[in-house]
């Protein structure tokens, strides 16, 4: 049986650290724009169809810790944008209320994270 590792993982294989990113998300125009403007992932992703839905796969394996850190920083930005986009698009609130609520929450979180 073949086991796949999904997510962002670092494992040791025979004492050697191996860093792997294996993430699949739904494709949207917003996310594709983020990917195409990303220095690391713009040439390191694949797009495929699954059950009639366009998917993007991010798959990268390296033994270089600096490369793994750069890939992780980039994928986290893309995944954050994907999550915000999903929440925004799946909510039943009117667009103006969604935008106001997002701004309010971001302002509050910024105050809590970076107090003056």
PDB file of N, CA and C in Angstrom:
ATOM      1  N   UNK A   1       0.842  -1.184   0.000  1.00  0.00           N
ATOM      2  CA  UNK A   1       0.000   0.000   0.000  1.00  0.00           C
ATOM      3  C   UNK A   1       0.884   1.243   0.000  1.00  0.00           C
ATOM      4  N   UNK A   2       0.563   2.187  -0.858  1.00  0.00           N
ATOM      5  CA  UNK A   2       1.314   3.429  -0.970  1.00  0.00           C
ATOM      6  C   UNK A   2       0.635   4.526  -0.160  1.00  0.00           C
ATOM      7  N   UNK A   3       1.395   5.175   0.712  1.00  0.00           N
ATOM      8  CA  UNK A   3       0.854   6.231   1.554  1.00  0.00           C
ATOM      9  C   UNK A   3       1.359   7.574   1.062  1.00  0.00           C
ATOM     10  N   UNK A   4       0.456   8.516   0.913  1.00  0.00           N
ATOM     11  CA  UNK A   4       0.825   9.877   0.521  1.00  0.00           C
ATOM     12  C   UNK A   4       0.751  10.778   1.737  1.00  0.00           C
ATOM     13  N   UNK A   5       1.673  11.703   1.804  1.00  0.00           N
ATOM     14  CA  UNK A   5       1.687  12.691   2.870  1.00  0.00           C
ATOM     15  C   UNK A   5       1.098  13.976   2.314  1.00  0.00           C
ATOM     16  N   UNK A   6       0.019  14.458   2.915  1.00  0.00           N
ATOM     17  CA  UNK A   6      -0.589  15.711   2.497  1.00  0.00           C
ATOM     18  C   UNK A   6      -0.323  16.772   3.550  1.00  0.00           C
ATOM     19  N   UNK A   7      -0.100  17.976   3.100  1.00  0.00           N
ATOM     20  CA  UNK A   7       0.154  19.086   3.997  1.00  0.00           C
ATOM     21  C   UNK A   7       1.580  19.567   3.868  1.00  0.00           C
ATOM     22  N   UNK A   8       2.044  20.202   4.924  1.00  0.00           N
ATOM     23  CA  UNK A   8       3.417  20.703   4.993  1.00  0.00           C
ATOM     24  C   UNK A   8       4.104  19.893   6.079  1.00  0.00           C
ATOM     25  N   UNK A   9       5.065  19.075   5.693  1.00  0.00           N
ATOM     26  CA  UNK A   9       5.683  18.136   6.632  1.00  0.00           C
ATOM     27  C   UNK A   9       7.199  18.149   6.511  1.00  0.00           C
ATOM     28  N   UNK A  10       7.859  17.854   7.618  1.00  0.00           N
ATOM     29  CA  UNK A  10       9.294  17.570   7.629  1.00  0.00           C
ATOM     30  C   UNK A  10       9.445  16.219   8.307  1.00  0.00           C
ATOM     31  N   UNK A  11      10.115  15.304   7.628  1.00  0.00           N
ATOM     32  CA  UNK A  11      10.312  13.962   8.169  1.00  0.00           C
ATOM     33  C   UNK A  11      11.777  13.571   8.004  1.00  0.00           C
ATOM     34  N   UNK A  12      12.202  12.593   8.788  1.00  0.00           N
ATOM     35  CA  UNK A  12      13.546  12.054   8.655  1.00  0.00           C
ATOM     36  C   UNK A  12      13.483  10.730   7.930  1.00  0.00           C
ATOM     37  N   UNK A  13      14.292  10.600   6.903  1.00  0.00           N
ATOM     38  CA  UNK A  13      14.406   9.337   6.176  1.00  0.00           C
ATOM     39  C   UNK A  13      15.860   8.901   6.300  1.00  0.00           C
ATOM     40  N   UNK A  14      16.071   7.823   7.011  1.00  0.00           N
ATOM     41  CA  UNK A  14      17.428   7.325   7.271  1.00  0.00           C
ATOM     42  C   UNK A  14      18.335   8.415   7.840  1.00  0.00           C
ATOM     43  N   UNK A  15      17.793   9.211   8.759  1.00  0.00           N
ATOM     44  CA  UNK A  15      18.574  10.251   9.406  1.00  0.00           C
ATOM     45  C   UNK A  15      18.724  11.541   8.627  1.00  0.00           C
ATOM     46  N   UNK A  16      18.140  11.617   7.443  1.00  0.00           N
ATOM     47  CA  UNK A  16      18.246  12.817   6.615  1.00  0.00           C
ATOM     48  C   UNK A  16      16.905  13.554   6.624  1.00  0.00           C
ATOM     49  N   UNK A  17      16.899  14.860   6.973  1.00  0.00           N
ATOM     50  CA  UNK A  17      15.634  15.603   6.961  1.00  0.00           C
ATOM     51  C   UNK A  17      15.152  15.862   5.534  1.00  0.00           C
ATOM     52  N   UNK A  18      13.871  15.591   5.322  1.00  0.00           N
ATOM     53  CA  UNK A  18      13.233  15.835   4.027  1.00  0.00           C
ATOM     54  C   UNK A  18      11.992  16.680   4.297  1.00  0.00           C
ATOM     55  N   UNK A  19      11.865  17.775   3.552  1.00  0.00           N
ATOM     56  CA  UNK A  19      10.755  18.708   3.731  1.00  0.00           C
ATOM     57  C   UNK A  19       9.842  18.599   2.514  1.00  0.00           C
ATOM     58  N   UNK A  20       8.542  18.384   2.768  1.00  0.00           N
ATOM     59  CA  UNK A  20       7.598  18.153   1.687  1.00  0.00           C
ATOM     60  C   UNK A  20       6.364  19.031   1.842  1.00  0.00           C
ATOM     61  N   UNK A  21       5.910  19.571   0.716  1.00  0.00           N
ATOM     62  CA  UNK A  21       4.628  20.268   0.641  1.00  0.00           C
ATOM     63  C   UNK A  21       3.811  19.533  -0.402  1.00  0.00           C
ATOM     64  N   UNK A  22       2.625  19.095  -0.014  1.00  0.00           N
ATOM     65  CA  UNK A  22       1.705  18.414  -0.921  1.00  0.00           C
ATOM     66  C   UNK A  22       0.295  18.886  -0.569  1.00  0.00           C
ATOM     67  N   UNK A  23      -0.193  19.880  -1.294  1.00  0.00           N
ATOM     68  CA  UNK A  23      -1.478  20.507  -1.001  1.00  0.00           C
ATOM     69  C   UNK A  23      -2.282  20.603  -2.296  1.00  0.00           C
ATOM     70  N   UNK A  24      -3.579  20.307  -2.203  1.00  0.00           N
ATOM     71  CA  UNK A  24      -4.486  20.439  -3.346  1.00  0.00           C
ATOM     72  C   UNK A  24      -5.638  21.352  -2.933  1.00  0.00           C
ATOM     73  N   UNK A  25      -5.909  22.374  -3.764  1.00  0.00           N
ATOM     74  CA  UNK A  25      -7.029  23.290  -3.496  1.00  0.00           C
ATOM     75  C   UNK A  25      -7.824  23.498  -4.776  1.00  0.00           C
ATOM     76  N   UNK A  26      -9.054  23.996  -4.633  1.00  0.00           N
ATOM     77  CA  UNK A  26      -9.861  24.358  -5.793  1.00  0.00           C
ATOM     78  C   UNK A  26      -9.286  25.605  -6.445  1.00  0.00           C
ATOM     79  N   UNK A  27      -9.380  25.651  -7.758  1.00  0.00           N
ATOM     80  CA  UNK A  27      -8.852  26.778  -8.514  1.00  0.00           C
ATOM     81  C   UNK A  27      -9.905  27.866  -8.665  1.00  0.00           C
ATOM     82  N   UNK A  28      -9.474  29.104  -8.473  1.00  0.00           N
ATOM     83  CA  UNK A  28     -10.317  30.267  -8.771  1.00  0.00           C
ATOM     84  C   UNK A  28      -9.425  31.288  -9.461  1.00  0.00           C
ATOM     85  N   UNK A  29     -10.025  32.268 -10.110  1.00  0.00           N
ATOM     86  CA  UNK A  29      -9.232  33.288 -10.793  1.00  0.00           C
ATOM     87  C   UNK A  29      -8.403  34.097  -9.800  1.00  0.00           C
ATOM     88  N   UNK A  30      -8.935  34.355  -8.618  1.00  0.00           N
ATOM     89  CA  UNK A  30      -8.210  35.101  -7.588  1.00  0.00           C
ATOM     90  C   UNK A  30      -6.964  34.343  -7.159  1.00  0.00           C
ATOM     91  N   UNK A  31      -7.125  33.057  -6.914  1.00  0.00           N
ATOM     92  CA  UNK A  31      -6.001  32.237  -6.454  1.00  0.00           C
ATOM     93  C   UNK A  31      -4.975  32.068  -7.574  1.00  0.00           C
ATOM     94  N   UNK A  32      -5.433  31.888  -8.807  1.00  0.00           N
ATOM     95  CA  UNK A  32      -4.497  31.757  -9.923  1.00  0.00           C
ATOM     96  C   UNK A  32      -3.664  33.032 -10.065  1.00  0.00           C
ATOM     97  N   UNK A  33      -4.277  34.182  -9.850  1.00  0.00           N
ATOM     98  CA  UNK A  33      -3.546  35.445  -9.909  1.00  0.00           C
ATOM     99  C   UNK A  33      -2.464  35.477  -8.831  1.00  0.00           C
ATOM    100  N   UNK A  34      -2.803  35.047  -7.627  1.00  0.00           N
ATOM    101  CA  UNK A  34      -1.821  34.999  -6.531  1.00  0.00           C
ATOM    102  C   UNK A  34      -0.669  34.067  -6.883  1.00  0.00           C
ATOM    103  N   UNK A  35      -0.979  32.919  -7.459  1.00  0.00           N
ATOM    104  CA  UNK A  35       0.051  31.929  -7.799  1.00  0.00           C
ATOM    105  C   UNK A  35       0.965  32.469  -8.894  1.00  0.00           C
ATOM    106  N   UNK A  36       0.380  33.059  -9.925  1.00  0.00           N
ATOM    107  CA  UNK A  36       1.179  33.553 -11.040  1.00  0.00           C
ATOM    108  C   UNK A  36       2.065  34.740 -10.656  1.00  0.00           C
ATOM    109  N   UNK A  37       1.712  35.419  -9.582  1.00  0.00           N
ATOM    110  CA  UNK A  37       2.536  36.527  -9.087  1.00  0.00           C
ATOM    111  C   UNK A  37       3.478  36.102  -7.956  1.00  0.00           C
ATOM    112  N   UNK A  38       3.468  34.828  -7.617  1.00  0.00           N
ATOM    113  CA  UNK A  38       4.323  34.316  -6.552  1.00  0.00           C
ATOM    114  C   UNK A  38       5.641  33.808  -7.146  1.00  0.00           C
ATOM    115  N   UNK A  39       6.747  34.281  -6.625  1.00  0.00           N
ATOM    116  CA  UNK A  39       8.048  33.902  -7.168  1.00  0.00           C
ATOM    117  C   UNK A  39       8.316  32.406  -7.061  1.00  0.00           C
ATOM    118  N   UNK A  40       7.914  31.785  -5.974  1.00  0.00           N
ATOM    119  CA  UNK A  40       8.240  30.377  -5.773  1.00  0.00           C
ATOM    120  C   UNK A  40       7.302  29.448  -6.536  1.00  0.00           C
ATOM    121  N   UNK A  41       5.987  29.659  -6.426  1.00  0.00           N
ATOM    122  CA  UNK A  41       5.014  28.686  -6.933  1.00  0.00           C
ATOM    123  C   UNK A  41       4.563  28.911  -8.370  1.00  0.00           C
ATOM    124  N   UNK A  42       4.910  30.045  -8.999  1.00  0.00           N
ATOM    125  CA  UNK A  42       4.367  30.313 -10.332  1.00  0.00           C
ATOM    126  C   UNK A  42       4.753  29.246 -11.357  1.00  0.00           C
ATOM    127  N   UNK A  43       5.854  28.560 -11.177  1.00  0.00           N
ATOM    128  CA  UNK A  43       6.248  27.490 -12.105  1.00  0.00           C
ATOM    129  C   UNK A  43       6.273  26.119 -11.438  1.00  0.00           C
ATOM    130  N   UNK A  44       5.819  26.044 -10.189  1.00  0.00           N
ATOM    131  CA  UNK A  44       5.898  24.781  -9.451  1.00  0.00           C
ATOM    132  C   UNK A  44       4.531  24.266  -9.006  1.00  0.00           C
ATOM    133  N   UNK A  45       3.529  24.457  -9.804  1.00  0.00           N
ATOM    134  CA  UNK A  45       2.194  23.949  -9.486  1.00  0.00           C
ATOM    135  C   UNK A  45       1.650  23.227 -10.721  1.00  0.00           C
ATOM    136  N   UNK A  46       0.640  22.415 -10.506  1.00  0.00           N
ATOM    137  CA  UNK A  46      -0.049  21.771 -11.626  1.00  0.00           C
ATOM    138  C   UNK A  46      -1.539  22.010 -11.475  1.00  0.00           C
ATOM    139  N   UNK A  47      -2.223  22.003 -12.602  1.00  0.00           N
ATOM    140  CA  UNK A  47      -3.681  22.186 -12.616  1.00  0.00           C
ATOM    141  C   UNK A  47      -4.291  20.965 -13.276  1.00  0.00           C
ATOM    142  N   UNK A  48      -5.347  20.438 -12.663  1.00  0.00           N
ATOM    143  CA  UNK A  48      -6.027  19.277 -13.228  1.00  0.00           C
ATOM    144  C   UNK A  48      -7.517  19.343 -12.879  1.00  0.00           C
ATOM    145  N   UNK A  49      -8.286  18.514 -13.523  1.00  0.00           N
ATOM    146  CA  UNK A  49      -9.727  18.428 -13.252  1.00  0.00           C
ATOM    147  C   UNK A  49     -10.008  17.172 -12.431  1.00  0.00           C
ATOM    148  N   UNK A  50     -10.886  17.304 -11.454  1.00  0.00           N
ATOM    149  CA  UNK A  50     -11.332  16.158 -10.660  1.00  0.00           C
ATOM    150  C   UNK A  50     -12.829  16.318 -10.429  1.00  0.00           C
ATOM    151  N   UNK A  51     -13.604  15.371 -10.939  1.00  0.00           N
ATOM    152  CA  UNK A  51     -15.075  15.425 -10.836  1.00  0.00           C
ATOM    153  C   UNK A  51     -15.632  16.746 -11.357  1.00  0.00           C
ATOM    154  N   UNK A  52     -15.070  17.239 -12.453  1.00  0.00           N
ATOM    155  CA  UNK A  52     -15.552  18.458 -13.077  1.00  0.00           C
ATOM    156  C   UNK A  52     -15.128  19.742 -12.382  1.00  0.00           C
ATOM    157  N   UNK A  53     -14.241  19.638 -11.406  1.00  0.00           N
ATOM    158  CA  UNK A  53     -13.783  20.812 -10.663  1.00  0.00           C
ATOM    159  C   UNK A  53     -12.294  20.996 -10.910  1.00  0.00           C
ATOM    160  N   UNK A  54     -11.909  22.223 -11.239  1.00  0.00           N
ATOM    161  CA  UNK A  54     -10.497  22.537 -11.480  1.00  0.00           C
ATOM    162  C   UNK A  54      -9.751  22.576 -10.149  1.00  0.00           C
ATOM    163  N   UNK A  55      -8.653  21.842 -10.070  1.00  0.00           N
ATOM    164  CA  UNK A  55      -7.843  21.747  -8.848  1.00  0.00           C
ATOM    165  C   UNK A  55      -6.425  22.211  -9.130  1.00  0.00           C
ATOM    166  N   UNK A  56      -5.782  22.759  -8.118  1.00  0.00           N
ATOM    167  CA  UNK A  56      -4.375  23.140  -8.198  1.00  0.00           C
ATOM    168  C   UNK A  56      -3.625  22.286  -7.192  1.00  0.00           C
ATOM    169  N   UNK A  57      -2.534  21.678  -7.642  1.00  0.00           N
ATOM    170  CA  UNK A  57      -1.700  20.875  -6.758  1.00  0.00           C
ATOM    171  C   UNK A  57      -0.357  21.562  -6.574  1.00  0.00           C
ATOM    172  N   UNK A  58       0.015  21.695  -5.318  1.00  0.00           N
ATOM    173  CA  UNK A  58       1.333  22.213  -4.953  1.00  0.00           C
ATOM    174  C   UNK A  58       2.108  21.029  -4.388  1.00  0.00           C
ATOM    175  N   UNK A  59       3.153  20.623  -5.071  1.00  0.00           N
ATOM    176  CA  UNK A  59       3.957  19.491  -4.628  1.00  0.00           C
ATOM    177  C   UNK A  59       5.424  19.856  -4.751  1.00  0.00           C
ATOM    178  N   UNK A  60       6.119  19.849  -3.641  1.00  0.00           N
ATOM    179  CA  UNK A  60       7.545  20.185  -3.646  1.00  0.00           C
ATOM    180  C   UNK A  60       8.229  19.427  -2.519  1.00  0.00           C
ATOM    181  N   UNK A  61       9.357  18.802  -2.827  1.00  0.00           N
ATOM    182  CA  UNK A  61      10.161  18.084  -1.840  1.00  0.00           C
ATOM    183  C   UNK A  61      11.593  18.564  -1.945  1.00  0.00           C
ATOM    184  N   UNK A  62      12.198  18.823  -0.802  1.00  0.00           N
ATOM    185  CA  UNK A  62      13.578  19.295  -0.787  1.00  0.00           C
ATOM    186  C   UNK A  62      14.261  18.858   0.502  1.00  0.00           C
ATOM    187  N   UNK A  63      15.581  18.832   0.462  1.00  0.00           N
ATOM    188  CA  UNK A  63      16.373  18.584   1.661  1.00  0.00           C
ATOM    189  C   UNK A  63      17.001  19.893   2.150  1.00  0.00           C
ATOM    190  N   UNK A  64      16.827  20.970   1.412  1.00  0.00           N
ATOM    191  CA  UNK A  64      17.368  22.281   1.749  1.00  0.00           C
ATOM    192  C   UNK A  64      16.375  23.024   2.648  1.00  0.00           C
ATOM    193  N   UNK A  65      16.787  23.303   3.874  1.00  0.00           N
ATOM    194  CA  UNK A  65      15.909  23.960   4.851  1.00  0.00           C
ATOM    195  C   UNK A  65      15.502  25.358   4.402  1.00  0.00           C
ATOM    196  N   UNK A  66      16.414  26.107   3.790  1.00  0.00           N
ATOM    197  CA  UNK A  66      16.087  27.467   3.326  1.00  0.00           C
ATOM    198  C   UNK A  66      15.052  27.440   2.211  1.00  0.00           C
ATOM    199  N   UNK A  67      15.179  26.499   1.299  1.00  0.00           N
ATOM    200  CA  UNK A  67      14.207  26.351   0.220  1.00  0.00           C
ATOM    201  C   UNK A  67      12.845  25.941   0.777  1.00  0.00           C
ATOM    202  N   UNK A  68      12.867  25.046   1.760  1.00  0.00           N
ATOM    203  CA  UNK A  68      11.621  24.611   2.396  1.00  0.00           C
ATOM    204  C   UNK A  68      10.931  25.782   3.101  1.00  0.00           C
ATOM    205  N   UNK A  69      11.719  26.636   3.752  1.00  0.00           N
ATOM    206  CA  UNK A  69      11.151  27.799   4.442  1.00  0.00           C
ATOM    207  C   UNK A  69      10.534  28.778   3.439  1.00  0.00           C
ATOM    208  N   UNK A  70      11.215  29.012   2.318  1.00  0.00           N
ATOM    209  CA  UNK A  70      10.691  29.917   1.283  1.00  0.00           C
ATOM    210  C   UNK A  70       9.395  29.357   0.691  1.00  0.00           C
ATOM    211  N   UNK A  71       9.370  28.067   0.423  1.00  0.00           N
ATOM    212  CA  UNK A  71       8.171  27.429  -0.130  1.00  0.00           C
ATOM    213  C   UNK A  71       7.011  27.500   0.858  1.00  0.00           C
ATOM    214  N   UNK A  72       7.300  27.287   2.122  1.00  0.00           N
ATOM    215  CA  UNK A  72       6.259  27.319   3.157  1.00  0.00           C
ATOM    216  C   UNK A  72       5.687  28.722   3.310  1.00  0.00           C
ATOM    217  N   UNK A  73       6.546  29.732   3.353  1.00  0.00           N
ATOM    218  CA  UNK A  73       6.053  31.123   3.449  1.00  0.00           C
ATOM    219  C   UNK A  73       5.136  31.458   2.277  1.00  0.00           C
ATOM    220  N   UNK A  74       5.538  31.054   1.081  1.00  0.00           N
ATOM    221  CA  UNK A  74       4.736  31.344  -0.113  1.00  0.00           C
ATOM    222  C   UNK A  74       3.406  30.611  -0.099  1.00  0.00           C
ATOM    223  N   UNK A  75       3.421  29.337   0.250  1.00  0.00           N
ATOM    224  CA  UNK A  75       2.166  28.555   0.223  1.00  0.00           C
ATOM    225  C   UNK A  75       1.210  29.041   1.308  1.00  0.00           C
ATOM    226  N   UNK A  76       1.734  29.484   2.436  1.00  0.00           N
ATOM    227  CA  UNK A  76       0.855  29.980   3.505  1.00  0.00           C
ATOM    228  C   UNK A  76       0.109  31.232   3.044  1.00  0.00           C
ATOM    229  N   UNK A  77       0.780  32.111   2.300  1.00  0.00           N
ATOM    230  CA  UNK A  77       0.104  33.307   1.764  1.00  0.00           C
ATOM    231  C   UNK A  77      -1.007  32.907   0.791  1.00  0.00           C
ATOM    232  N   UNK A  78      -0.720  31.957  -0.065  1.00  0.00           N
ATOM    233  CA  UNK A  78      -1.721  31.496  -1.041  1.00  0.00           C
ATOM    234  C   UNK A  78      -2.887  30.827  -0.332  1.00  0.00           C
ATOM    235  N   UNK A  79      -2.606  29.992   0.654  1.00  0.00           N
ATOM    236  CA  UNK A  79      -3.675  29.299   1.389  1.00  0.00           C
ATOM    237  C   UNK A  79      -4.514  30.271   2.206  1.00  0.00           C
ATOM    238  N   UNK A  80      -3.896  31.318   2.742  1.00  0.00           N
ATOM    239  CA  UNK A  80      -4.652  32.331   3.475  1.00  0.00           C
ATOM    240  C   UNK A  80      -5.612  33.048   2.532  1.00  0.00           C
ATOM    241  N   UNK A  81      -5.118  33.429   1.348  1.00  0.00           N
ATOM    242  CA  UNK A  81      -5.978  34.076   0.348  1.00  0.00           C
ATOM    243  C   UNK A  81      -7.107  33.139  -0.074  1.00  0.00           C
ATOM    244  N   UNK A  82      -6.810  31.860  -0.228  1.00  0.00           N
ATOM    245  CA  UNK A  82      -7.820  30.863  -0.597  1.00  0.00           C
ATOM    246  C   UNK A  82      -8.899  30.762   0.473  1.00  0.00           C
ATOM    247  N   UNK A  83      -8.496  30.740   1.730  1.00  0.00           N
ATOM    248  CA  UNK A  83      -9.452  30.637   2.841  1.00  0.00           C
ATOM    249  C   UNK A  83     -10.345  31.875   2.911  1.00  0.00           C
ATOM    250  N   UNK A  84      -9.757  33.057   2.796  1.00  0.00           N
ATOM    251  CA  UNK A  84     -10.541  34.301   2.846  1.00  0.00           C
ATOM    252  C   UNK A  84     -11.516  34.347   1.670  1.00  0.00           C
ATOM    253  N   UNK A  85     -11.041  33.958   0.497  1.00  0.00           N
ATOM    254  CA  UNK A  85     -11.895  33.943  -0.694  1.00  0.00           C
ATOM    255  C   UNK A  85     -13.075  32.991  -0.514  1.00  0.00           C
ATOM    256  N   UNK A  86     -12.809  31.810   0.020  1.00  0.00           N
ATOM    257  CA  UNK A  86     -13.887  30.835   0.257  1.00  0.00           C
ATOM    258  C   UNK A  86     -14.913  31.364   1.245  1.00  0.00           C
ATOM    259  N   UNK A  87     -14.440  31.934   2.331  1.00  0.00           N
ATOM    260  CA  UNK A  87     -15.364  32.468   3.345  1.00  0.00           C
ATOM    261  C   UNK A  87     -16.189  33.600   2.747  1.00  0.00           C
ATOM    262  N   UNK A  88     -15.551  34.473   2.002  1.00  0.00           N
ATOM    263  CA  UNK A  88     -16.251  35.607   1.397  1.00  0.00           C
ATOM    264  C   UNK A  88     -17.307  35.131   0.410  1.00  0.00           C
ATOM    265  N   UNK A  89     -16.956  34.179  -0.445  1.00  0.00           N
ATOM    266  CA  UNK A  89     -17.873  33.726  -1.494  1.00  0.00           C
ATOM    267  C   UNK A  89     -18.996  32.827  -0.992  1.00  0.00           C
ATOM    268  N   UNK A  90     -18.813  32.147   0.112  1.00  0.00           N
ATOM    269  CA  UNK A  90     -19.827  31.207   0.598  1.00  0.00           C
ATOM    270  C   UNK A  90     -20.762  31.799   1.639  1.00  0.00           C
ATOM    271  N   UNK A  91     -20.508  33.039   2.053  1.00  0.00           N
ATOM    272  CA  UNK A  91     -21.371  33.679   3.032  1.00  0.00           C
ATOM    273  C   UNK A  91     -22.615  34.235   2.333  1.00  0.00           C
ATOM    274  N   UNK A  92     -23.728  34.256   3.048  1.00  0.00           N
ATOM    275  CA  UNK A  92     -24.978  34.748   2.485  1.00  0.00           C
ATOM    276  C   UNK A  92     -25.199  36.231   2.742  1.00  0.00           C
ATOM    277  N   UNK A  93     -24.243  36.886   3.406  1.00  0.00           N
ATOM    278  CA  UNK A  93     -24.363  38.319   3.648  1.00  0.00           C
ATOM    279  C   UNK A  93     -24.178  39.088   2.346  1.00  0.00           C
ATOM    280  N   UNK A  94     -24.766  40.277   2.255  1.00  0.00           N
ATOM    281  CA  UNK A  94     -24.516  41.123   1.075  1.00  0.00           C
ATOM    282  C   UNK A  94     -23.030  41.507   1.016  1.00  0.00           C
ATOM    283  N   UNK A  95     -22.495  41.721  -0.185  1.00  0.00           N
ATOM    284  CA  UNK A  95     -21.058  42.024  -0.332  1.00  0.00           C
ATOM    285  C   UNK A  95     -20.570  43.184   0.533  1.00  0.00           C
ATOM    286  N   UNK A  96     -21.351  44.246   0.662  1.00  0.00           N
ATOM    287  CA  UNK A  96     -20.902  45.395   1.455  1.00  0.00           C
ATOM    288  C   UNK A  96     -20.769  45.022   2.936  1.00  0.00           C
ATOM    289  N   UNK A  97     -21.684  44.174   3.442  1.00  0.00           N
ATOM    290  CA  UNK A  97     -21.591  43.728   4.838  1.00  0.00           C
ATOM    291  C   UNK A  97     -20.403  42.795   5.042  1.00  0.00           C
ATOM    292  N   UNK A  98     -20.140  41.940   4.046  1.00  0.00           N
ATOM    293  CA  UNK A  98     -18.976  41.045   4.130  1.00  0.00           C
ATOM    294  C   UNK A  98     -17.696  41.865   4.227  1.00  0.00           C
ATOM    295  N   UNK A  99     -17.574  42.859   3.339  1.00  0.00           N
ATOM    296  CA  UNK A  99     -16.372  43.686   3.305  1.00  0.00           C
ATOM    297  C   UNK A  99     -16.196  44.449   4.619  1.00  0.00           C
ATOM    298  N   UNK A 100     -17.272  45.022   5.134  1.00  0.00           N
ATOM    299  CA  UNK A 100     -17.207  45.775   6.389  1.00  0.00           C
ATOM    300  C   UNK A 100     -16.812  44.852   7.543  1.00  0.00           C
ATOM    301  N   UNK A 101     -17.378  43.658   7.570  1.00  0.00           N
ATOM    302  CA  UNK A 101     -17.065  42.704   8.627  1.00  0.00           C
ATOM    303  C   UNK A 101     -15.610  42.247   8.564  1.00  0.00           C
ATOM    304  N   UNK A 102     -15.121  41.978   7.363  1.00  0.00           N
ATOM    305  CA  UNK A 102     -13.719  41.570   7.207  1.00  0.00           C
ATOM    306  C   UNK A 102     -12.788  42.679   7.682  1.00  0.00           C
ATOM    307  N   UNK A 103     -13.078  43.928   7.290  1.00  0.00           N
ATOM    308  CA  UNK A 103     -12.246  45.059   7.719  1.00  0.00           C
ATOM    309  C   UNK A 103     -12.270  45.216   9.235  1.00  0.00           C
ATOM    310  N   UNK A 104     -13.451  45.055   9.840  1.00  0.00           N
ATOM    311  CA  UNK A 104     -13.594  45.182  11.288  1.00  0.00           C
ATOM    312  C   UNK A 104     -12.779  44.105  12.014  1.00  0.00           C
ATOM    313  N   UNK A 105     -12.894  42.871  11.544  1.00  0.00           N
ATOM    314  CA  UNK A 105     -12.165  41.774  12.177  1.00  0.00           C
ATOM    315  C   UNK A 105     -10.663  41.954  12.006  1.00  0.00           C
ATOM    316  N   UNK A 106     -10.221  42.354  10.808  1.00  0.00           N
ATOM    317  CA  UNK A 106      -8.791  42.573  10.579  1.00  0.00           C
ATOM    318  C   UNK A 106      -8.247  43.691  11.469  1.00  0.00           C
ATOM    319  N   UNK A 107      -9.007  44.762  11.610  1.00  0.00           N
ATOM    320  CA  UNK A 107      -8.569  45.868  12.460  1.00  0.00           C
ATOM    321  C   UNK A 107      -8.430  45.401  13.908  1.00  0.00           C
ATOM    322  N   UNK A 108      -9.394  44.625  14.374  1.00  0.00           N
ATOM    323  CA  UNK A 108      -9.360  44.123  15.753  1.00  0.00           C
ATOM    324  C   UNK A 108      -8.207  43.142  15.957  1.00  0.00           C
ATOM    325  N   UNK A 109      -8.019  42.231  15.020  1.00  0.00           N
ATOM    326  CA  UNK A 109      -6.924  41.261  15.119  1.00  0.00           C
ATOM    327  C   UNK A 109      -5.565  41.949  15.068  1.00  0.00           C
ATOM    328  N   UNK A 110      -5.452  42.978  14.239  1.00  0.00           N
ATOM    329  CA  UNK A 110      -4.197  43.721  14.152  1.00  0.00           C
ATOM    330  C   UNK A 110      -3.896  44.416  15.469  1.00  0.00           C
ATOM    331  N   UNK A 111      -4.927  44.969  16.113  1.00  0.00           N
ATOM    332  CA  UNK A 111      -4.735  45.603  17.422  1.00  0.00           C
ATOM    333  C   UNK A 111      -4.258  44.591  18.463  1.00  0.00           C
ATOM    334  N   UNK A 112      -4.858  43.377  18.435  1.00  0.00           N
ATOM    335  CA  UNK A 112      -4.486  42.352  19.409  1.00  0.00           C
ATOM    336  C   UNK A 112      -3.084  41.802  19.144  1.00  0.00           C
ATOM    337  N   UNK A 113      -2.720  41.677  17.876  1.00  0.00           N
ATOM    338  CA  UNK A 113      -1.439  41.097  17.515  1.00  0.00           C
ATOM    339  C   UNK A 113      -0.305  42.103  17.643  1.00  0.00           C
ATOM    340  N   UNK A 114      -0.556  43.339  17.260  1.00  0.00           N
ATOM    341  CA  UNK A 114       0.476  44.384  17.271  1.00  0.00           C
ATOM    342  C   UNK A 114      -0.016  45.585  18.080  1.00  0.00           C
ATOM    343  N   UNK A 115      -0.126  45.432  19.413  1.00  0.00           N
ATOM    344  CA  UNK A 115      -0.616  46.569  20.201  1.00  0.00           C
ATOM    345  C   UNK A 115       0.372  47.738  20.164  1.00  0.00           C
ATOM    346  N   UNK A 116      -0.180  48.948  20.220  1.00  0.00           N
ATOM    347  CA  UNK A 116       0.664  50.158  20.177  1.00  0.00           C
ATOM    348  C   UNK A 116       1.290  50.444  21.497  1.00  0.00           C
TER     349      UNK A 116
END
